[in-house]
């Protein structure tokens, strides 16, 4: 009897909740569908445009009418990008690991943009090395942190004054592995650093009307995460490890990790590019974007769970070293 009496109000409450959720999603869709006006007056400075996300984003924004300033590491990257772009797109040589290169790029942008143009920064360069580099100090101290973290900070700060004057935006690419670290190594360390830098920068520049957005992709198939490249990088790292470490893990461990990583990749880069484009062009962008089904339904939910449960999951379903006591 009690249950029968409770059922009607429970159904009514459920309908109210579903109605509120539906109304919220409709409101958010309408709000986020609005775009900034006058795309042709806005300059977007993008790093890492030789390939991958940066290259795709540069071409996409160029087609939408933005004035793209594409930073390329190689001359070949500049030439190839110019071939498929309009005259609005400008390429510049840029090595984010060298402050002198960043200063030259900043000076060029100041001359190009002047006082009238609006400028937005999108930093999309990123390398990926597996967790074997956790045991290799050279990987921590060399290119990985220099590109993924120090380069992001250096480039952002170099043009920050221009962005403040224009009340522009900063869009940095971190990773879902900046929230959870299942593989270890300098890649996750650098992405945690980008997350911290973005969070602190967002609060500090908000009074100037500057928005700081963060893209947290899952595991996508780019030139940096290509199976052949991953296997080659892992083999080089394995060869550099001390013999004691190799003995602890065993020779079969490397093959297992290579096969495991190759199963997670998503080949549709437009999922990430669409989030980048929305962060740049939407009148009301989100603070964080998590493109990729693995990010939304696996990595992010795991990152909110208690550490004891997450550790138990990974220790059960990931390969163990040869001398494991578990």
C-alpha atoms as a PDB file:
ATOM      1  CA  UNK A   1       0.000   0.000   0.000  1.00  0.00           C
ATOM      2  CA  UNK A   2       2.767   2.445   0.942  1.00  0.00           C
ATOM      3  CA  UNK A   3       4.648   1.739  -2.290  1.00  0.00           C
ATOM      4  CA  UNK A   4       1.497   2.251  -4.366  1.00  0.00           C
ATOM      5  CA  UNK A   5       0.926   5.621  -2.694  1.00  0.00           C
ATOM      6  CA  UNK A   6       4.530   6.679  -3.310  1.00  0.00           C
ATOM      7  CA  UNK A   7       4.633   5.720  -6.987  1.00  0.00           C
ATOM      8  CA  UNK A   8       2.545   8.652  -8.405  1.00  0.00           C
ATOM      9  CA  UNK A   9       4.604  11.405  -6.678  1.00  0.00           C
ATOM     10  CA  UNK A  10       7.849   9.617  -7.601  1.00  0.00           C
ATOM     11  CA  UNK A  11       6.796   9.478 -11.261  1.00  0.00           C
ATOM     12  CA  UNK A  12       5.867  13.145 -11.113  1.00  0.00           C
ATOM     13  CA  UNK A  13       9.228  14.036  -9.559  1.00  0.00           C
ATOM     14  CA  UNK A  14      11.060  12.008 -12.211  1.00  0.00           C
ATOM     15  CA  UNK A  15       9.197  13.826 -14.985  1.00  0.00           C
ATOM     16  CA  UNK A  16      10.116  17.189 -13.431  1.00  0.00           C
ATOM     17  CA  UNK A  17      13.799  16.155 -13.277  1.00  0.00           C
ATOM     18  CA  UNK A  18      13.810  14.919 -16.878  1.00  0.00           C
ATOM     19  CA  UNK A  19      12.098  18.137 -17.955  1.00  0.00           C
ATOM     20  CA  UNK A  20      14.696  20.265 -16.171  1.00  0.00           C
ATOM     21  CA  UNK A  21      17.568  18.266 -17.699  1.00  0.00           C
ATOM     22  CA  UNK A  22      16.070  18.599 -21.188  1.00  0.00           C
ATOM     23  CA  UNK A  23      15.522  22.345 -20.671  1.00  0.00           C
ATOM     24  CA  UNK A  24      19.108  22.746 -19.486  1.00  0.00           C
ATOM     25  CA  UNK A  25      20.538  20.985 -22.580  1.00  0.00           C
ATOM     26  CA  UNK A  26      18.343  23.040 -24.923  1.00  0.00           C
ATOM     27  CA  UNK A  27      19.398  26.259 -23.186  1.00  0.00           C
ATOM     28  CA  UNK A  28      23.081  25.269 -23.338  1.00  0.00           C
ATOM     29  CA  UNK A  29      22.815  24.322 -27.011  1.00  0.00           C
ATOM     30  CA  UNK A  30      21.189  27.669 -27.845  1.00  0.00           C
ATOM     31  CA  UNK A  31      23.712  29.646 -25.806  1.00  0.00           C
ATOM     32  CA  UNK A  32      26.747  27.830 -27.250  1.00  0.00           C
ATOM     33  CA  UNK A  33      25.489  28.046 -30.834  1.00  0.00           C
ATOM     34  CA  UNK A  34      26.111  31.815 -30.973  1.00  0.00           C
ATOM     35  CA  UNK A  35      29.344  32.813 -32.708  1.00  0.00           C
ATOM     36  CA  UNK A  36      31.531  35.895 -32.463  1.00  0.00           C
ATOM     37  CA  UNK A  37      30.918  38.418 -35.271  1.00  0.00           C
ATOM     38  CA  UNK A  38      33.436  39.748 -37.830  1.00  0.00           C
ATOM     39  CA  UNK A  39      35.716  36.715 -38.135  1.00  0.00           C
ATOM     40  CA  UNK A  40      37.807  38.546 -40.726  1.00  0.00           C
ATOM     41  CA  UNK A  41      38.980  41.073 -38.102  1.00  0.00           C
ATOM     42  CA  UNK A  42      40.267  38.409 -35.735  1.00  0.00           C
ATOM     43  CA  UNK A  43      43.757  36.917 -35.814  1.00  0.00           C
ATOM     44  CA  UNK A  44      44.331  33.416 -34.445  1.00  0.00           C
ATOM     45  CA  UNK A  45      47.916  32.445 -33.609  1.00  0.00           C
ATOM     46  CA  UNK A  46      48.279  28.643 -33.734  1.00  0.00           C
ATOM     47  CA  UNK A  47      51.411  26.691 -32.805  1.00  0.00           C
ATOM     48  CA  UNK A  48      52.373  23.234 -34.044  1.00  0.00           C
ATOM     49  CA  UNK A  49      50.869  23.605 -37.536  1.00  0.00           C
ATOM     50  CA  UNK A  50      53.164  21.187 -39.369  1.00  0.00           C
ATOM     51  CA  UNK A  51      50.776  18.295 -38.755  1.00  0.00           C
ATOM     52  CA  UNK A  52      48.077  16.897 -36.471  1.00  0.00           C
ATOM     53  CA  UNK A  53      45.566  19.056 -34.613  1.00  0.00           C
ATOM     54  CA  UNK A  54      47.329  22.361 -35.319  1.00  0.00           C
ATOM     55  CA  UNK A  55      47.503  21.735 -39.059  1.00  0.00           C
ATOM     56  CA  UNK A  56      43.841  20.709 -39.270  1.00  0.00           C
ATOM     57  CA  UNK A  57      42.715  23.650 -37.158  1.00  0.00           C
ATOM     58  CA  UNK A  58      44.673  26.185 -39.229  1.00  0.00           C
ATOM     59  CA  UNK A  59      43.021  24.982 -42.446  1.00  0.00           C
ATOM     60  CA  UNK A  60      39.575  24.821 -40.814  1.00  0.00           C
ATOM     61  CA  UNK A  61      39.701  28.353 -39.375  1.00  0.00           C
ATOM     62  CA  UNK A  62      41.093  29.701 -42.640  1.00  0.00           C
ATOM     63  CA  UNK A  63      38.009  28.368 -44.437  1.00  0.00           C
ATOM     64  CA  UNK A  64      35.779  30.035 -41.824  1.00  0.00           C
ATOM     65  CA  UNK A  65      37.326  33.427 -42.591  1.00  0.00           C
ATOM     66  CA  UNK A  66      39.673  33.947 -39.633  1.00  0.00           C
ATOM     67  CA  UNK A  67      43.123  35.459 -40.163  1.00  0.00           C
ATOM     68  CA  UNK A  68      45.340  32.558 -39.163  1.00  0.00           C
ATOM     69  CA  UNK A  69      48.968  32.985 -38.087  1.00  0.00           C
ATOM     70  CA  UNK A  70      50.361  29.450 -38.259  1.00  0.00           C
ATOM     71  CA  UNK A  71      53.579  28.646 -36.411  1.00  0.00           C
ATOM     72  CA  UNK A  72      55.459  25.806 -38.127  1.00  0.00           C
ATOM     73  CA  UNK A  73      58.577  24.013 -36.935  1.00  0.00           C
ATOM     74  CA  UNK A  74      59.830  23.201 -40.442  1.00  0.00           C
ATOM     75  CA  UNK A  75      60.006  25.069 -43.742  1.00  0.00           C
ATOM     76  CA  UNK A  76      58.324  22.092 -45.395  1.00  0.00           C
ATOM     77  CA  UNK A  77      55.381  22.487 -43.022  1.00  0.00           C
ATOM     78  CA  UNK A  78      55.007  26.139 -44.017  1.00  0.00           C
ATOM     79  CA  UNK A  79      55.115  25.349 -47.733  1.00  0.00           C
ATOM     80  CA  UNK A  80      52.602  22.505 -47.541  1.00  0.00           C
ATOM     81  CA  UNK A  81      50.163  24.564 -45.460  1.00  0.00           C
ATOM     82  CA  UNK A  82      50.329  27.552 -47.813  1.00  0.00           C
ATOM     83  CA  UNK A  83      49.477  25.312 -50.768  1.00  0.00           C
ATOM     84  CA  UNK A  84      46.040  24.468 -49.357  1.00  0.00           C
ATOM     85  CA  UNK A  85      45.168  27.783 -47.701  1.00  0.00           C
ATOM     86  CA  UNK A  86      43.947  31.215 -48.707  1.00  0.00           C
ATOM     87  CA  UNK A  87      45.964  34.432 -48.724  1.00  0.00           C
ATOM     88  CA  UNK A  88      44.536  35.254 -45.283  1.00  0.00           C
ATOM     89  CA  UNK A  89      46.726  32.579 -43.688  1.00  0.00           C
ATOM     90  CA  UNK A  90      50.258  33.597 -42.711  1.00  0.00           C
ATOM     91  CA  UNK A  91      52.948  31.105 -41.719  1.00  0.00           C
ATOM     92  CA  UNK A  92      55.918  31.841 -39.480  1.00  0.00           C
ATOM     93  CA  UNK A  93      58.850  29.656 -38.365  1.00  0.00           C
ATOM     94  CA  UNK A  94      58.511  28.723 -34.704  1.00  0.00           C
ATOM     95  CA  UNK A  95      60.448  26.481 -32.351  1.00  0.00           C
ATOM     96  CA  UNK A  96      58.603  26.609 -29.021  1.00  0.00           C
ATOM     97  CA  UNK A  97      61.657  25.251 -27.180  1.00  0.00           C
ATOM     98  CA  UNK A  98      63.723  28.344 -28.049  1.00  0.00           C
ATOM     99  CA  UNK A  99      62.868  31.710 -26.511  1.00  0.00           C
ATOM    100  CA  UNK A 100      64.640  33.570 -29.316  1.00  0.00           C
ATOM    101  CA  UNK A 101      62.367  31.939 -31.901  1.00  0.00           C
ATOM    102  CA  UNK A 102      59.308  32.841 -29.816  1.00  0.00           C
ATOM    103  CA  UNK A 103      60.469  36.478 -29.479  1.00  0.00           C
ATOM    104  CA  UNK A 104      60.875  36.792 -33.266  1.00  0.00           C
ATOM    105  CA  UNK A 105      57.406  35.341 -33.801  1.00  0.00           C
ATOM    106  CA  UNK A 106      55.923  37.731 -31.219  1.00  0.00           C
ATOM    107  CA  UNK A 107      57.560  40.752 -32.852  1.00  0.00           C
ATOM    108  CA  UNK A 108      56.187  39.676 -36.237  1.00  0.00           C
ATOM    109  CA  UNK A 109      52.684  39.263 -34.799  1.00  0.00           C
ATOM    110  CA  UNK A 110      52.792  42.721 -33.159  1.00  0.00           C
ATOM    111  CA  UNK A 111      53.670  44.311 -36.506  1.00  0.00           C
ATOM    112  CA  UNK A 112      51.015  42.303 -38.340  1.00  0.00           C
ATOM    113  CA  UNK A 113      48.152  42.759 -35.894  1.00  0.00           C
ATOM    114  CA  UNK A 114      48.851  46.341 -34.835  1.00  0.00           C
ATOM    115  CA  UNK A 115      46.439  48.079 -32.483  1.00  0.00           C
ATOM    116  CA  UNK A 116      43.176  47.281 -34.266  1.00  0.00           C
ATOM    117  CA  UNK A 117      43.119  43.540 -34.707  1.00  0.00           C
ATOM    118  CA  UNK A 118      41.917  41.025 -32.151  1.00  0.00           C
ATOM    119  CA  UNK A 119      44.213  38.115 -31.379  1.00  0.00           C
ATOM    120  CA  UNK A 120      43.586  34.666 -29.955  1.00  0.00           C
ATOM    121  CA  UNK A 121      46.190  32.024 -29.102  1.00  0.00           C
ATOM    122  CA  UNK A 122      45.763  28.312 -29.656  1.00  0.00           C
ATOM    123  CA  UNK A 123      48.625  26.070 -28.574  1.00  0.00           C
ATOM    124  CA  UNK A 124      48.273  22.574 -29.985  1.00  0.00           C
ATOM    125  CA  UNK A 125      51.760  21.061 -30.021  1.00  0.00           C
ATOM    126  CA  UNK A 126      52.220  17.820 -28.119  1.00  0.00           C
ATOM    127  CA  UNK A 127      54.385  14.708 -28.083  1.00  0.00           C
ATOM    128  CA  UNK A 128      53.492  11.358 -26.627  1.00  0.00           C
ATOM    129  CA  UNK A 129      55.846   8.845 -25.083  1.00  0.00           C
ATOM    130  CA  UNK A 130      54.746   5.850 -23.069  1.00  0.00           C
ATOM    131  CA  UNK A 131      55.242   5.301 -19.380  1.00  0.00           C
ATOM    132  CA  UNK A 132      58.576   3.524 -19.887  1.00  0.00           C
ATOM    133  CA  UNK A 133      60.077   7.035 -19.953  1.00  0.00           C
ATOM    134  CA  UNK A 134      59.086   7.310 -16.285  1.00  0.00           C
ATOM    135  CA  UNK A 135      62.406   5.572 -15.572  1.00  0.00           C
ATOM    136  CA  UNK A 136      64.432   7.723 -17.987  1.00  0.00           C
ATOM    137  CA  UNK A 137      65.495  11.163 -16.683  1.00  0.00           C
ATOM    138  CA  UNK A 138      66.585  12.256 -20.167  1.00  0.00           C
ATOM    139  CA  UNK A 139      62.965  12.092 -21.340  1.00  0.00           C
ATOM    140  CA  UNK A 140      61.844  14.302 -18.464  1.00  0.00           C
ATOM    141  CA  UNK A 141      64.498  16.940 -18.916  1.00  0.00           C
ATOM    142  CA  UNK A 142      64.716  17.202 -22.696  1.00  0.00           C
ATOM    143  CA  UNK A 143      62.142  17.675 -25.461  1.00  0.00           C
ATOM    144  CA  UNK A 144      59.010  16.410 -23.687  1.00  0.00           C
ATOM    145  CA  UNK A 145      58.721  19.039 -20.954  1.00  0.00           C
ATOM    146  CA  UNK A 146      60.384  21.676 -23.142  1.00  0.00           C
ATOM    147  CA  UNK A 147      57.683  21.325 -25.817  1.00  0.00           C
ATOM    148  CA  UNK A 148      54.574  20.261 -23.917  1.00  0.00           C
ATOM    149  CA  UNK A 149      54.910  22.516 -20.867  1.00  0.00           C
ATOM    150  CA  UNK A 150      57.670  25.125 -21.033  1.00  0.00           C
ATOM    151  CA  UNK A 151      56.896  25.871 -24.682  1.00  0.00           C
ATOM    152  CA  UNK A 152      53.194  26.371 -23.938  1.00  0.00           C
ATOM    153  CA  UNK A 153      53.964  28.751 -21.065  1.00  0.00           C
ATOM    154  CA  UNK A 154      56.618  30.688 -23.000  1.00  0.00           C
ATOM    155  CA  UNK A 155      54.428  31.191 -26.090  1.00  0.00           C
ATOM    156  CA  UNK A 156      51.388  32.162 -24.017  1.00  0.00           C
ATOM    157  CA  UNK A 157      53.224  34.750 -21.945  1.00  0.00           C
ATOM    158  CA  UNK A 158      54.962  36.207 -25.004  1.00  0.00           C
ATOM    159  CA  UNK A 159      51.659  37.301 -26.584  1.00  0.00           C
ATOM    160  CA  UNK A 160      49.624  37.749 -23.410  1.00  0.00           C
ATOM    161  CA  UNK A 161      49.867  41.547 -23.454  1.00  0.00           C
ATOM    162  CA  UNK A 162      48.457  41.633 -27.000  1.00  0.00           C
ATOM    163  CA  UNK A 163      45.627  39.326 -25.957  1.00  0.00           C
ATOM    164  CA  UNK A 164      44.818  41.482 -22.925  1.00  0.00           C
ATOM    165  CA  UNK A 165      44.590  44.619 -25.059  1.00  0.00           C
ATOM    166  CA  UNK A 166      42.222  42.875 -27.472  1.00  0.00           C
ATOM    167  CA  UNK A 167      40.260  41.068 -24.707  1.00  0.00           C
ATOM    168  CA  UNK A 168      41.031  37.916 -26.647  1.00  0.00           C
ATOM    169  CA  UNK A 169      41.349  34.255 -25.695  1.00  0.00           C
ATOM    170  CA  UNK A 170      43.937  31.629 -24.850  1.00  0.00           C
ATOM    171  CA  UNK A 171      43.175  28.038 -25.851  1.00  0.00           C
ATOM    172  CA  UNK A 172      45.755  25.512 -24.685  1.00  0.00           C
ATOM    173  CA  UNK A 173      45.667  21.788 -25.389  1.00  0.00           C
ATOM    174  CA  UNK A 174      46.267  19.649 -22.327  1.00  0.00           C
ATOM    175  CA  UNK A 175      44.981  16.077 -22.249  1.00  0.00           C
ATOM    176  CA  UNK A 176      42.669  13.855 -20.299  1.00  0.00           C
ATOM    177  CA  UNK A 177      45.981  12.472 -18.999  1.00  0.00           C
ATOM    178  CA  UNK A 178      46.411  15.815 -17.249  1.00  0.00           C
ATOM    179  CA  UNK A 179      43.674  14.570 -14.918  1.00  0.00           C
ATOM    180  CA  UNK A 180      44.644  10.932 -14.536  1.00  0.00           C
ATOM    181  CA  UNK A 181      48.030   9.291 -14.990  1.00  0.00           C
ATOM    182  CA  UNK A 182      47.698   5.608 -15.904  1.00  0.00           C
ATOM    183  CA  UNK A 183      50.890   5.383 -17.954  1.00  0.00           C
ATOM    184  CA  UNK A 184      53.177   7.740 -16.075  1.00  0.00           C
ATOM    185  CA  UNK A 185      56.182   9.359 -17.679  1.00  0.00           C
ATOM    186  CA  UNK A 186      56.865  12.973 -18.680  1.00  0.00           C
ATOM    187  CA  UNK A 187      53.830  13.207 -20.993  1.00  0.00           C
ATOM    188  CA  UNK A 188      51.395  13.082 -18.073  1.00  0.00           C
ATOM    189  CA  UNK A 189      53.690  15.290 -15.964  1.00  0.00           C
ATOM    190  CA  UNK A 190      53.686  17.958 -18.700  1.00  0.00           C
ATOM    191  CA  UNK A 191      49.907  17.817 -19.166  1.00  0.00           C
ATOM    192  CA  UNK A 192      49.254  18.144 -15.425  1.00  0.00           C
ATOM    193  CA  UNK A 193      51.467  21.233 -15.636  1.00  0.00           C
ATOM    194  CA  UNK A 194      49.435  22.686 -18.514  1.00  0.00           C
ATOM    195  CA  UNK A 195      46.241  22.161 -16.507  1.00  0.00           C
ATOM    196  CA  UNK A 196      47.727  24.011 -13.524  1.00  0.00           C
ATOM    197  CA  UNK A 197      49.035  26.830 -15.724  1.00  0.00           C
ATOM    198  CA  UNK A 198      45.646  27.216 -17.425  1.00  0.00           C
ATOM    199  CA  UNK A 199      43.724  27.256 -14.142  1.00  0.00           C
ATOM    200  CA  UNK A 200      45.938  29.932 -12.581  1.00  0.00           C
ATOM    201  CA  UNK A 201      46.086  32.004 -15.782  1.00  0.00           C
ATOM    202  CA  UNK A 202      42.285  31.891 -16.206  1.00  0.00           C
ATOM    203  CA  UNK A 203      41.772  33.493 -12.791  1.00  0.00           C
ATOM    204  CA  UNK A 204      44.534  36.059 -13.211  1.00  0.00           C
ATOM    205  CA  UNK A 205      43.440  37.424 -16.600  1.00  0.00           C
ATOM    206  CA  UNK A 206      39.666  37.259 -16.099  1.00  0.00           C
ATOM    207  CA  UNK A 207      39.582  40.890 -14.810  1.00  0.00           C
ATOM    208  CA  UNK A 208      41.013  41.968 -18.195  1.00  0.00           C
ATOM    209  CA  UNK A 209      38.200  40.313 -20.122  1.00  0.00           C
ATOM    210  CA  UNK A 210      40.425  37.467 -21.352  1.00  0.00           C
ATOM    211  CA  UNK A 211      39.041  33.927 -21.542  1.00  0.00           C
ATOM    212  CA  UNK A 212      41.355  30.937 -20.993  1.00  0.00           C
ATOM    213  CA  UNK A 213      40.011  27.631 -22.309  1.00  0.00           C
ATOM    214  CA  UNK A 214      41.414  24.111 -22.110  1.00  0.00           C
ATOM    215  CA  UNK A 215      41.098  21.194 -24.538  1.00  0.00           C
ATOM    216  CA  UNK A 216      41.470  17.760 -22.887  1.00  0.00           C
ATOM    217  CA  UNK A 217      41.409  15.151 -25.676  1.00  0.00           C
ATOM    218  CA  UNK A 218      41.388  11.429 -25.227  1.00  0.00           C
ATOM    219  CA  UNK A 219      43.775   9.212 -27.184  1.00  0.00           C
ATOM    220  CA  UNK A 220      43.712  10.238 -30.864  1.00  0.00           C
ATOM    221  CA  UNK A 221      45.739   8.966 -33.787  1.00  0.00           C
ATOM    222  CA  UNK A 222      48.139  11.712 -34.867  1.00  0.00           C
ATOM    223  CA  UNK A 223      51.674  11.611 -36.218  1.00  0.00           C
ATOM    224  CA  UNK A 224      52.822  11.642 -32.573  1.00  0.00           C
ATOM    225  CA  UNK A 225      50.655   8.702 -31.530  1.00  0.00           C
ATOM    226  CA  UNK A 226      50.975   6.662 -34.718  1.00  0.00           C
ATOM    227  CA  UNK A 227      51.548   3.010 -33.895  1.00  0.00           C
ATOM    228  CA  UNK A 228      54.841   2.835 -35.769  1.00  0.00           C
ATOM    229  CA  UNK A 229      56.128   6.000 -34.067  1.00  0.00           C
ATOM    230  CA  UNK A 230      55.038   4.760 -30.650  1.00  0.00           C
ATOM    231  CA  UNK A 231      56.741   1.428 -31.141  1.00  0.00           C
ATOM    232  CA  UNK A 232      59.915   3.115 -32.339  1.00  0.00           C
ATOM    233  CA  UNK A 233      59.945   5.500 -29.346  1.00  0.00           C
ATOM    234  CA  UNK A 234      59.270   2.707 -26.895  1.00  0.00           C
ATOM    235  CA  UNK A 235      62.043   0.579 -28.388  1.00  0.00           C
ATOM    236  CA  UNK A 236      64.514   3.463 -28.028  1.00  0.00           C
ATOM    237  CA  UNK A 237      63.428   4.020 -24.430  1.00  0.00           C
ATOM    238  CA  UNK A 238      63.656   0.314 -23.674  1.00  0.00           C
ATOM    239  CA  UNK A 239      67.179   0.169 -25.060  1.00  0.00           C
ATOM    240  CA  UNK A 240      68.230   3.104 -22.820  1.00  0.00           C
ATOM    241  CA  UNK A 241      66.905   1.541 -19.617  1.00  0.00           C
ATOM    242  CA  UNK A 242      69.353   0.003 -17.121  1.00  0.00           C
ATOM    243  CA  UNK A 243      69.632  -3.767 -17.395  1.00  0.00           C
ATOM    244  CA  UNK A 244      68.244  -4.141 -13.863  1.00  0.00           C
ATOM    245  CA  UNK A 245      65.013  -2.411 -14.935  1.00  0.00           C
ATOM    246  CA  UNK A 246      64.739  -4.579 -18.063  1.00  0.00           C
ATOM    247  CA  UNK A 247      65.169  -7.687 -15.920  1.00  0.00           C
ATOM    248  CA  UNK A 248      62.424  -6.512 -13.545  1.00  0.00           C
ATOM    249  CA  UNK A 249      59.885  -6.035 -16.363  1.00  0.00           C
ATOM    250  CA  UNK A 250      60.897  -8.832 -18.697  1.00  0.00           C
ATOM    251  CA  UNK A 251      61.238  -8.738 -22.522  1.00  0.00           C
ATOM    252  CA  UNK A 252      57.563  -9.622 -23.152  1.00  0.00           C
ATOM    253  CA  UNK A 253      56.377  -6.507 -21.289  1.00  0.00           C
ATOM    254  CA  UNK A 254      57.323  -4.158 -24.147  1.00  0.00           C
ATOM    255  CA  UNK A 255      55.205  -6.057 -26.715  1.00  0.00           C
ATOM    256  CA  UNK A 256      52.175  -6.104 -24.398  1.00  0.00           C
ATOM    257  CA  UNK A 257      52.315  -2.327 -23.841  1.00  0.00           C
ATOM    258  CA  UNK A 258      52.717  -1.608 -27.566  1.00  0.00           C
ATOM    259  CA  UNK A 259      49.615  -3.635 -28.427  1.00  0.00           C
ATOM    260  CA  UNK A 260      47.634  -2.115 -25.549  1.00  0.00           C
ATOM    261  CA  UNK A 261      48.272   1.506 -26.596  1.00  0.00           C
ATOM    262  CA  UNK A 262      47.434   0.901 -30.264  1.00  0.00           C
ATOM    263  CA  UNK A 263      43.898  -0.262 -29.339  1.00  0.00           C
ATOM    264  CA  UNK A 264      42.893   3.087 -27.763  1.00  0.00           C
ATOM    265  CA  UNK A 265      43.467   5.456 -30.687  1.00  0.00           C
ATOM    266  CA  UNK A 266      40.634   7.398 -32.369  1.00  0.00           C
ATOM    267  CA  UNK A 267      41.342   8.448 -35.959  1.00  0.00           C
ATOM    268  CA  UNK A 268      38.742  11.235 -36.245  1.00  0.00           C
ATOM    269  CA  UNK A 269      40.799  14.367 -35.529  1.00  0.00           C
ATOM    270  CA  UNK A 270      37.827  16.626 -36.348  1.00  0.00           C
ATOM    271  CA  UNK A 271      36.338  15.774 -32.943  1.00  0.00           C
ATOM    272  CA  UNK A 272      39.214  17.711 -31.395  1.00  0.00           C
ATOM    273  CA  UNK A 273      39.357  20.407 -34.093  1.00  0.00           C
ATOM    274  CA  UNK A 274      35.624  21.112 -33.650  1.00  0.00           C
ATOM    275  CA  UNK A 275      36.158  21.697 -29.924  1.00  0.00           C
ATOM    276  CA  UNK A 276      39.106  23.994 -30.669  1.00  0.00           C
ATOM    277  CA  UNK A 277      37.035  25.930 -33.202  1.00  0.00           C
ATOM    278  CA  UNK A 278      34.168  26.314 -30.718  1.00  0.00           C
ATOM    279  CA  UNK A 279      36.536  27.537 -28.008  1.00  0.00           C
ATOM    280  CA  UNK A 280      37.843  30.176 -30.411  1.00  0.00           C
ATOM    281  CA  UNK A 281      34.674  31.257 -32.205  1.00  0.00           C
ATOM    282  CA  UNK A 282      31.785  30.715 -29.757  1.00  0.00           C
ATOM    283  CA  UNK A 283      30.383  33.772 -28.026  1.00  0.00           C
ATOM    284  CA  UNK A 284      30.046  31.696 -24.841  1.00  0.00           C
ATOM    285  CA  UNK A 285      32.759  28.997 -24.886  1.00  0.00           C
ATOM    286  CA  UNK A 286      33.202  26.289 -22.270  1.00  0.00           C
ATOM    287  CA  UNK A 287      36.121  26.374 -19.860  1.00  0.00           C
ATOM    288  CA  UNK A 288      36.970  22.757 -20.687  1.00  0.00           C
ATOM    289  CA  UNK A 289      36.368  20.448 -23.636  1.00  0.00           C
ATOM    290  CA  UNK A 290      36.868  16.679 -23.571  1.00  0.00           C
ATOM    291  CA  UNK A 291      36.715  15.334 -27.150  1.00  0.00           C
ATOM    292  CA  UNK A 292      36.700  11.578 -27.636  1.00  0.00           C
ATOM    293  CA  UNK A 293      34.418   8.880 -26.281  1.00  0.00           C
ATOM    294  CA  UNK A 294      37.259   7.400 -24.234  1.00  0.00           C
ATOM    295  CA  UNK A 295      37.740  10.761 -22.491  1.00  0.00           C
ATOM    296  CA  UNK A 296      34.042  11.295 -21.737  1.00  0.00           C
ATOM    297  CA  UNK A 297      33.042   7.816 -20.667  1.00  0.00           C
ATOM    298  CA  UNK A 298      36.233   6.230 -19.373  1.00  0.00           C
ATOM    299  CA  UNK A 299      39.132   8.497 -18.390  1.00  0.00           C
ATOM    300  CA  UNK A 300      37.188  11.415 -16.910  1.00  0.00           C
ATOM    301  CA  UNK A 301      34.831   9.252 -14.798  1.00  0.00           C
ATOM    302  CA  UNK A 302      37.901   7.377 -13.532  1.00  0.00           C
ATOM    303  CA  UNK A 303      39.610  10.656 -12.623  1.00  0.00           C
ATOM    304  CA  UNK A 304      36.734  11.543 -10.248  1.00  0.00           C
ATOM    305  CA  UNK A 305      36.754   8.184  -8.465  1.00  0.00           C
ATOM    306  CA  UNK A 306      38.682   7.503  -5.229  1.00  0.00           C
ATOM    307  CA  UNK A 307      42.347   6.750  -5.868  1.00  0.00           C
ATOM    308  CA  UNK A 308      42.132   3.381  -4.108  1.00  0.00           C
ATOM    309  CA  UNK A 309      39.494   2.174  -6.603  1.00  0.00           C
ATOM    310  CA  UNK A 310      41.342   3.589  -9.631  1.00  0.00           C
ATOM    311  CA  UNK A 311      44.610   1.973  -8.535  1.00  0.00           C
ATOM    312  CA  UNK A 312      42.878  -1.351  -7.987  1.00  0.00           C
ATOM    313  CA  UNK A 313      41.363  -1.176 -11.485  1.00  0.00           C
ATOM    314  CA  UNK A 314      44.644  -0.417 -13.244  1.00  0.00           C
ATOM    315  CA  UNK A 315      46.632  -2.931 -11.220  1.00  0.00           C
ATOM    316  CA  UNK A 316      44.120  -5.623 -12.139  1.00  0.00           C
ATOM    317  CA  UNK A 317      43.682  -4.915 -15.852  1.00  0.00           C
ATOM    318  CA  UNK A 318      47.113  -3.647 -16.949  1.00  0.00           C
ATOM    319  CA  UNK A 319      50.190  -5.838 -17.463  1.00  0.00           C
ATOM    320  CA  UNK A 320      52.510  -6.409 -14.526  1.00  0.00           C
ATOM    321  CA  UNK A 321      56.314  -6.529 -14.420  1.00  0.00           C
ATOM    322  CA  UNK A 322      57.928  -9.936 -14.499  1.00  0.00           C
ATOM    323  CA  UNK A 323      58.914  -9.742 -10.806  1.00  0.00           C
ATOM    324  CA  UNK A 324      55.525  -8.381  -9.633  1.00  0.00           C
ATOM    325  CA  UNK A 325      54.388  -9.417  -6.147  1.00  0.00           C
ATOM    326  CA  UNK A 326      50.705  -8.743  -6.918  1.00  0.00           C
END
